[in-house]
């Protein structure tokens, strides 16, 4: 219908002889006359209203082709920040770590001050308490060679503890350095229940146990007095390798040396025999 109306409008503008008004006369009308009328173009009633009759609906047209894809849309705005999450649950306590290794041994302490000089002993034959030594066959005459003796014990630190190592002598009479001077030293170990630092694989082979008497004897003679140092220096020093030690309480124990005795294992009651052998 739209196309038909467009054609009529074009013909009208081109002044083709088409009538717009219908005649009111009694002339016989055809189907065509209902559209274009029967009046001539020269008549004065050309401005009458034109009417159209609607025909039947036409058949649907062929579907049109798919349209072109639209342009990409614009990027969306940034989203709002999310809400903070809830705090997490506290973790469980960790397992305790293993103990650290033992620290390095500390530096040796300074030597203690010298003890006071002992009282002078009386000149006499050297004797031993019968509780400290068993009697032996034979005899030896001994005579004290000095009325005064000053000693100093020096310790040595091992990887385990302090042990005896040296004995320094001073203020001895020159007679002790005549060439046949002898020295014996006696120690008493701590009584039970004190735990000794020295530990053996079995008591039978132990150098010493609690409450025993030990004797360390100089191998050979006291050095000659001509070689002694001058006071206040020590006259001479006896080291561990110059002494042989035995167990007086258990004589069958294998001999040992001075530095086999731990400084913390004896009672600090020390006895000496210093004499010239005959």
Protein backbone atom coordinates (compact mmCIF):
# COMPACT_ATOMS: atom_id res chain seq x y z
CA UNK A 1 0.00 0.00 0.00
CA UNK A 2 2.79 2.36 0.82
CA UNK A 3 4.37 1.76 -2.59
CA UNK A 4 1.05 2.47 -4.35
CA UNK A 5 0.58 5.73 -2.50
CA UNK A 6 4.10 6.80 -3.38
CA UNK A 7 3.45 6.13 -7.11
CA UNK A 8 0.25 8.18 -7.07
CA UNK A 9 1.97 11.05 -5.39
CA UNK A 10 4.73 11.00 -7.98
CA UNK A 11 2.21 10.99 -10.85
CA UNK A 12 0.33 13.84 -9.26
CA UNK A 13 3.40 15.98 -9.02
CA UNK A 14 4.19 15.24 -12.66
CA UNK A 15 0.76 16.58 -13.61
CA UNK A 16 -0.36 13.38 -15.25
CA UNK A 17 -4.08 13.50 -15.82
CA UNK A 18 -5.34 11.93 -12.64
CA UNK A 19 -8.45 13.02 -10.81
CA UNK A 20 -8.51 13.35 -7.03
CA UNK A 21 -12.21 13.90 -6.58
CA UNK A 22 -15.06 11.52 -7.25
CA UNK A 23 -18.03 12.59 -9.43
CA UNK A 24 -21.49 12.71 -7.74
CA UNK A 25 -23.27 11.95 -11.02
CA UNK A 26 -25.06 8.78 -12.03
CA UNK A 27 -22.44 7.54 -14.43
CA UNK A 28 -21.59 3.93 -14.23
CA UNK A 29 -18.48 3.39 -12.12
CA UNK A 30 -15.81 0.73 -12.54
CA UNK A 31 -13.32 -0.51 -10.00
CA UNK A 32 -10.79 1.89 -11.42
CA UNK A 33 -13.17 4.81 -11.05
CA UNK A 34 -13.33 4.28 -7.29
CA UNK A 35 -9.67 5.21 -7.17
CA UNK A 36 -9.17 7.84 -9.87
CA UNK A 37 -12.72 9.16 -10.31
CA UNK A 38 -14.49 10.11 -13.62
CA UNK A 39 -14.20 13.88 -13.59
CA UNK A 40 -12.09 15.67 -16.10
CA UNK A 41 -9.13 17.72 -15.08
CA UNK A 42 -10.83 20.92 -16.21
CA UNK A 43 -13.64 20.64 -13.73
CA UNK A 44 -13.72 22.89 -10.72
CA UNK A 45 -14.28 20.18 -8.10
CA UNK A 46 -10.83 18.67 -8.29
CA UNK A 47 -10.16 19.24 -4.53
CA UNK A 48 -12.57 16.56 -3.33
CA UNK A 49 -11.20 14.00 -0.89
CA UNK A 50 -9.57 10.92 -2.38
CA UNK A 51 -10.29 7.59 -0.62
CA UNK A 52 -8.66 4.24 -0.96
CA UNK A 53 -10.00 0.77 -0.48
CA UNK A 54 -7.85 -1.61 1.48
CA UNK A 55 -7.16 -4.87 -0.26
CA UNK A 56 -6.37 -8.26 1.29
CA UNK A 57 -3.22 -8.70 3.29
CA UNK A 58 -0.33 -9.75 1.17
CA UNK A 59 1.81 -12.77 1.92
CA UNK A 60 4.66 -12.20 4.40
CA UNK A 61 7.88 -11.05 2.80
CA UNK A 62 11.09 -13.01 2.80
CA UNK A 63 12.97 -12.64 6.12
CA UNK A 64 15.63 -9.99 5.95
CA UNK A 65 19.33 -10.76 6.26
CA UNK A 66 21.00 -10.76 9.68
CA UNK A 67 22.16 -7.37 10.74
CA UNK A 68 25.84 -6.52 11.20
CA UNK A 69 27.30 -7.29 14.63
CA UNK A 70 27.08 -4.37 16.99
CA UNK A 71 30.15 -2.54 18.30
CA UNK A 72 31.82 -3.73 21.49
CA UNK A 73 30.33 -2.19 24.58
CA UNK A 74 32.25 0.24 26.77
CA UNK A 75 34.28 -1.08 29.70
CA UNK A 76 32.35 -1.25 32.94
CA UNK A 77 33.26 0.85 35.98
CA UNK A 78 35.57 -0.55 38.63
CA UNK A 79 33.82 -2.55 41.31
CA UNK A 80 33.63 -1.38 44.90
CA UNK A 81 36.25 -2.60 47.40
CA UNK A 82 35.29 -5.80 49.18
CA UNK A 83 34.65 -5.95 52.91
CA UNK A 84 37.60 -6.96 55.15
CA UNK A 85 37.69 -10.68 55.92
CA UNK A 86 37.15 -12.06 59.43
CA UNK A 87 40.30 -12.58 61.56
CA UNK A 88 41.70 -16.09 61.34
CA UNK A 89 41.86 -18.49 64.26
CA UNK A 90 45.04 -18.35 66.39
CA UNK A 91 47.57 -21.06 65.52
CA UNK A 92 48.60 -23.74 67.99
CA UNK A 93 51.82 -23.39 70.00
CA UNK A 94 54.92 -24.87 68.39
CA UNK A 95 56.79 -27.84 69.85
CA UNK A 96 59.74 -27.04 72.14
CA UNK A 97 63.11 -27.18 70.39
CA UNK A 98 65.78 -29.66 71.37
CA UNK A 99 68.39 -28.70 73.96
CA UNK A 100 71.44 -26.90 72.62
CA UNK A 101 74.92 -28.36 72.82
CA UNK A 102 77.05 -27.77 75.89
CA UNK A 103 78.91 -24.50 75.81
CA UNK A 104 82.68 -24.22 75.49
CA UNK A 105 84.61 -24.67 78.75
CA UNK A 106 85.42 -21.43 80.51
CA UNK A 107 88.91 -20.01 80.91
CA UNK A 108 90.98 -21.42 83.78
CA UNK A 109 90.74 -19.39 86.95
CA UNK A 110 93.74 -17.63 88.41
CA UNK A 111 95.92 -19.52 90.85
CA UNK A 112 94.97 -19.14 94.49
CA UNK A 113 97.26 -17.43 96.96
CA UNK A 114 99.90 -19.51 98.67
CA UNK A 115 98.94 -21.09 101.97
CA UNK A 116 100.63 -20.18 105.20
CA UNK A 117 103.90 -21.89 106.02
CA UNK A 118 103.51 -25.05 108.09
CA UNK A 119 105.15 -25.40 111.44
CA UNK A 120 108.64 -26.83 111.57
CA UNK A 121 108.73 -30.59 112.05
CA UNK A 122 110.92 -32.24 114.60
CA UNK A 123 113.99 -34.13 113.52
CA UNK A 124 113.17 -37.80 113.71
CA UNK A 125 113.09 -41.02 111.81
CA UNK A 126 110.40 -41.05 109.20
CA UNK A 127 107.47 -43.19 110.25
CA UNK A 128 104.00 -43.97 108.93
CA UNK A 129 100.73 -44.57 110.71
CA UNK A 130 100.05 -48.31 110.72
CA UNK A 131 96.59 -47.63 109.32
CA UNK A 132 98.06 -46.15 106.15
CA UNK A 133 100.62 -48.74 105.13
CA UNK A 134 101.07 -52.44 105.66
CA UNK A 135 104.36 -53.54 107.26
CA UNK A 136 107.08 -54.75 104.89
CA UNK A 137 110.21 -56.81 105.39
CA UNK A 138 113.49 -54.98 105.85
CA UNK A 139 114.10 -51.42 107.00
CA UNK A 140 115.71 -48.18 105.89
CA UNK A 141 117.18 -45.44 107.98
CA UNK A 142 115.88 -42.00 107.11
CA UNK A 143 116.85 -38.65 108.56
CA UNK A 144 114.95 -35.41 107.99
CA UNK A 145 117.04 -33.02 105.91
CA UNK A 146 115.10 -29.79 106.56
CA UNK A 147 113.10 -28.03 109.24
CA UNK A 148 111.13 -25.94 106.76
CA UNK A 149 109.44 -26.75 103.47
CA UNK A 150 107.08 -24.72 101.33
CA UNK A 151 105.20 -26.35 98.47
CA UNK A 152 102.72 -25.30 95.80
CA UNK A 153 100.48 -27.64 93.80
CA UNK A 154 99.72 -26.69 90.19
CA UNK A 155 96.74 -28.14 88.30
CA UNK A 156 96.20 -28.94 84.65
CA UNK A 157 92.79 -28.56 82.95
CA UNK A 158 91.73 -31.44 80.74
CA UNK A 159 88.60 -31.76 78.63
CA UNK A 160 86.83 -33.16 81.72
CA UNK A 161 88.21 -31.45 84.85
CA UNK A 162 91.30 -30.23 86.72
CA UNK A 163 94.02 -32.76 87.63
CA UNK A 164 97.27 -32.42 89.56
CA UNK A 165 100.29 -31.82 87.38
CA UNK A 166 103.26 -30.17 89.15
CA UNK A 167 104.66 -29.63 92.67
CA UNK A 168 106.89 -26.62 93.38
CA UNK A 169 109.32 -26.69 96.34
CA UNK A 170 111.05 -23.84 98.16
CA UNK A 171 112.71 -22.97 101.50
CA UNK A 172 114.30 -26.44 101.76
CA UNK A 173 117.63 -26.78 103.52
CA UNK A 174 120.58 -27.29 101.19
CA UNK A 175 121.24 -30.67 102.84
CA UNK A 176 118.22 -32.06 100.95
CA UNK A 177 120.10 -31.39 97.70
CA UNK A 178 123.20 -33.37 98.66
CA UNK A 179 122.56 -36.05 96.08
CA UNK A 180 120.50 -38.66 97.93
CA UNK A 181 117.42 -36.67 98.96
CA UNK A 182 114.05 -38.47 98.75
CA UNK A 183 110.46 -37.19 98.57
CA UNK A 184 107.18 -39.01 99.10
CA UNK A 185 103.75 -37.30 99.07
CA UNK A 186 100.55 -38.68 100.61
CA UNK A 187 96.98 -37.83 99.58
CA UNK A 188 93.65 -38.82 101.15
CA UNK A 189 90.58 -39.15 98.86
CA UNK A 190 87.14 -37.88 99.80
CA UNK A 191 84.96 -40.17 101.88
CA UNK A 192 81.59 -41.51 100.66
CA UNK A 193 78.94 -40.47 99.82
CA UNK A 194 80.97 -37.88 97.91
CA UNK A 195 80.94 -38.73 94.18
CA UNK A 196 84.48 -38.84 92.86
CA UNK A 197 85.20 -37.18 89.53
CA UNK A 198 87.50 -40.04 88.66
CA UNK A 199 85.42 -42.95 87.37
CA UNK A 200 86.77 -46.36 86.32
CA UNK A 201 85.10 -49.12 84.34
CA UNK A 202 85.09 -51.31 87.47
CA UNK A 203 86.11 -50.73 91.15
CA UNK A 204 88.68 -53.52 91.02
CA UNK A 205 90.77 -51.65 88.45
CA UNK A 206 90.15 -48.15 89.80
CA UNK A 207 93.23 -46.11 90.71
CA UNK A 208 91.40 -44.99 93.83
CA UNK A 209 88.00 -45.09 95.51
CA UNK A 210 86.44 -43.07 98.33
CA UNK A 211 88.37 -42.87 101.61
CA UNK A 212 91.70 -44.27 100.37
CA UNK A 213 95.32 -43.15 100.87
CA UNK A 214 97.55 -42.52 97.85
CA UNK A 215 101.35 -42.21 97.81
CA UNK A 216 103.41 -40.54 95.07
CA UNK A 217 107.19 -40.99 95.23
CA UNK A 218 109.89 -39.07 93.39
CA UNK A 219 111.70 -41.26 90.87
CA UNK A 220 115.39 -40.82 91.71
CA UNK A 221 116.81 -38.16 94.03
CA UNK A 222 116.08 -34.51 94.80
CA UNK A 223 118.03 -32.26 92.37
CA UNK A 224 121.39 -31.02 93.64
CA UNK A 225 121.17 -27.78 95.59
CA UNK A 226 123.64 -26.18 93.18
CA UNK A 227 120.89 -26.27 90.53
CA UNK A 228 118.15 -24.77 92.71
CA UNK A 229 116.53 -21.42 91.98
CA UNK A 230 116.94 -18.39 94.20
CA UNK A 231 114.18 -17.30 96.61
CA UNK A 232 111.47 -16.13 95.99
CA UNK A 233 111.58 -18.41 92.95
CA UNK A 234 110.93 -22.12 93.58
CA UNK A 235 114.09 -24.10 94.26
CA UNK A 236 112.91 -26.88 91.95
CA UNK A 237 109.75 -28.32 90.39
CA UNK A 238 108.67 -31.95 90.17
CA UNK A 239 106.33 -32.77 87.27
CA UNK A 240 103.86 -35.64 86.97
CA UNK A 241 106.13 -37.85 84.87
CA UNK A 242 108.83 -37.74 87.61
CA UNK A 243 106.50 -39.34 90.17
CA UNK A 244 105.08 -42.85 90.47
CA UNK A 245 101.87 -43.16 92.48
CA UNK A 246 100.40 -46.18 94.26
CA UNK A 247 97.33 -46.98 96.36
CA UNK A 248 98.39 -47.56 99.98
CA UNK A 249 94.94 -48.86 100.96
CA UNK A 250 94.89 -51.38 98.09
CA UNK A 251 98.55 -52.15 97.25
CA UNK A 252 97.66 -54.43 94.35
CA UNK A 253 96.37 -51.51 92.27
CA UNK A 254 98.49 -50.86 89.17
CA UNK A 255 100.78 -47.80 89.67
CA UNK A 256 99.62 -44.54 88.07
CA UNK A 257 100.87 -40.94 87.72
CA UNK A 258 100.17 -37.69 89.54
CA UNK A 259 97.94 -36.29 86.79
CA UNK A 260 95.60 -39.27 87.22
CA UNK A 261 94.39 -37.64 90.46
CA UNK A 262 91.57 -35.08 90.16
CA UNK A 263 92.06 -31.99 92.33
CA UNK A 264 88.45 -32.18 93.59
CA UNK A 265 88.81 -35.80 94.80
CA UNK A 266 91.26 -35.37 97.71
CA UNK A 267 90.70 -33.79 101.12
CA UNK A 268 93.55 -31.23 100.96
CA UNK A 269 95.22 -33.08 103.80
CA UNK A 270 98.62 -33.74 102.31
CA UNK A 271 101.57 -35.39 104.00
CA UNK A 272 105.25 -35.27 102.98
CA UNK A 273 108.40 -37.25 103.65
CA UNK A 274 111.55 -35.28 102.77
CA UNK A 275 114.77 -36.97 103.85
CA UNK A 276 118.23 -38.17 102.87
CA UNK A 277 118.52 -41.89 102.35
CA UNK A 278 121.42 -43.75 103.90
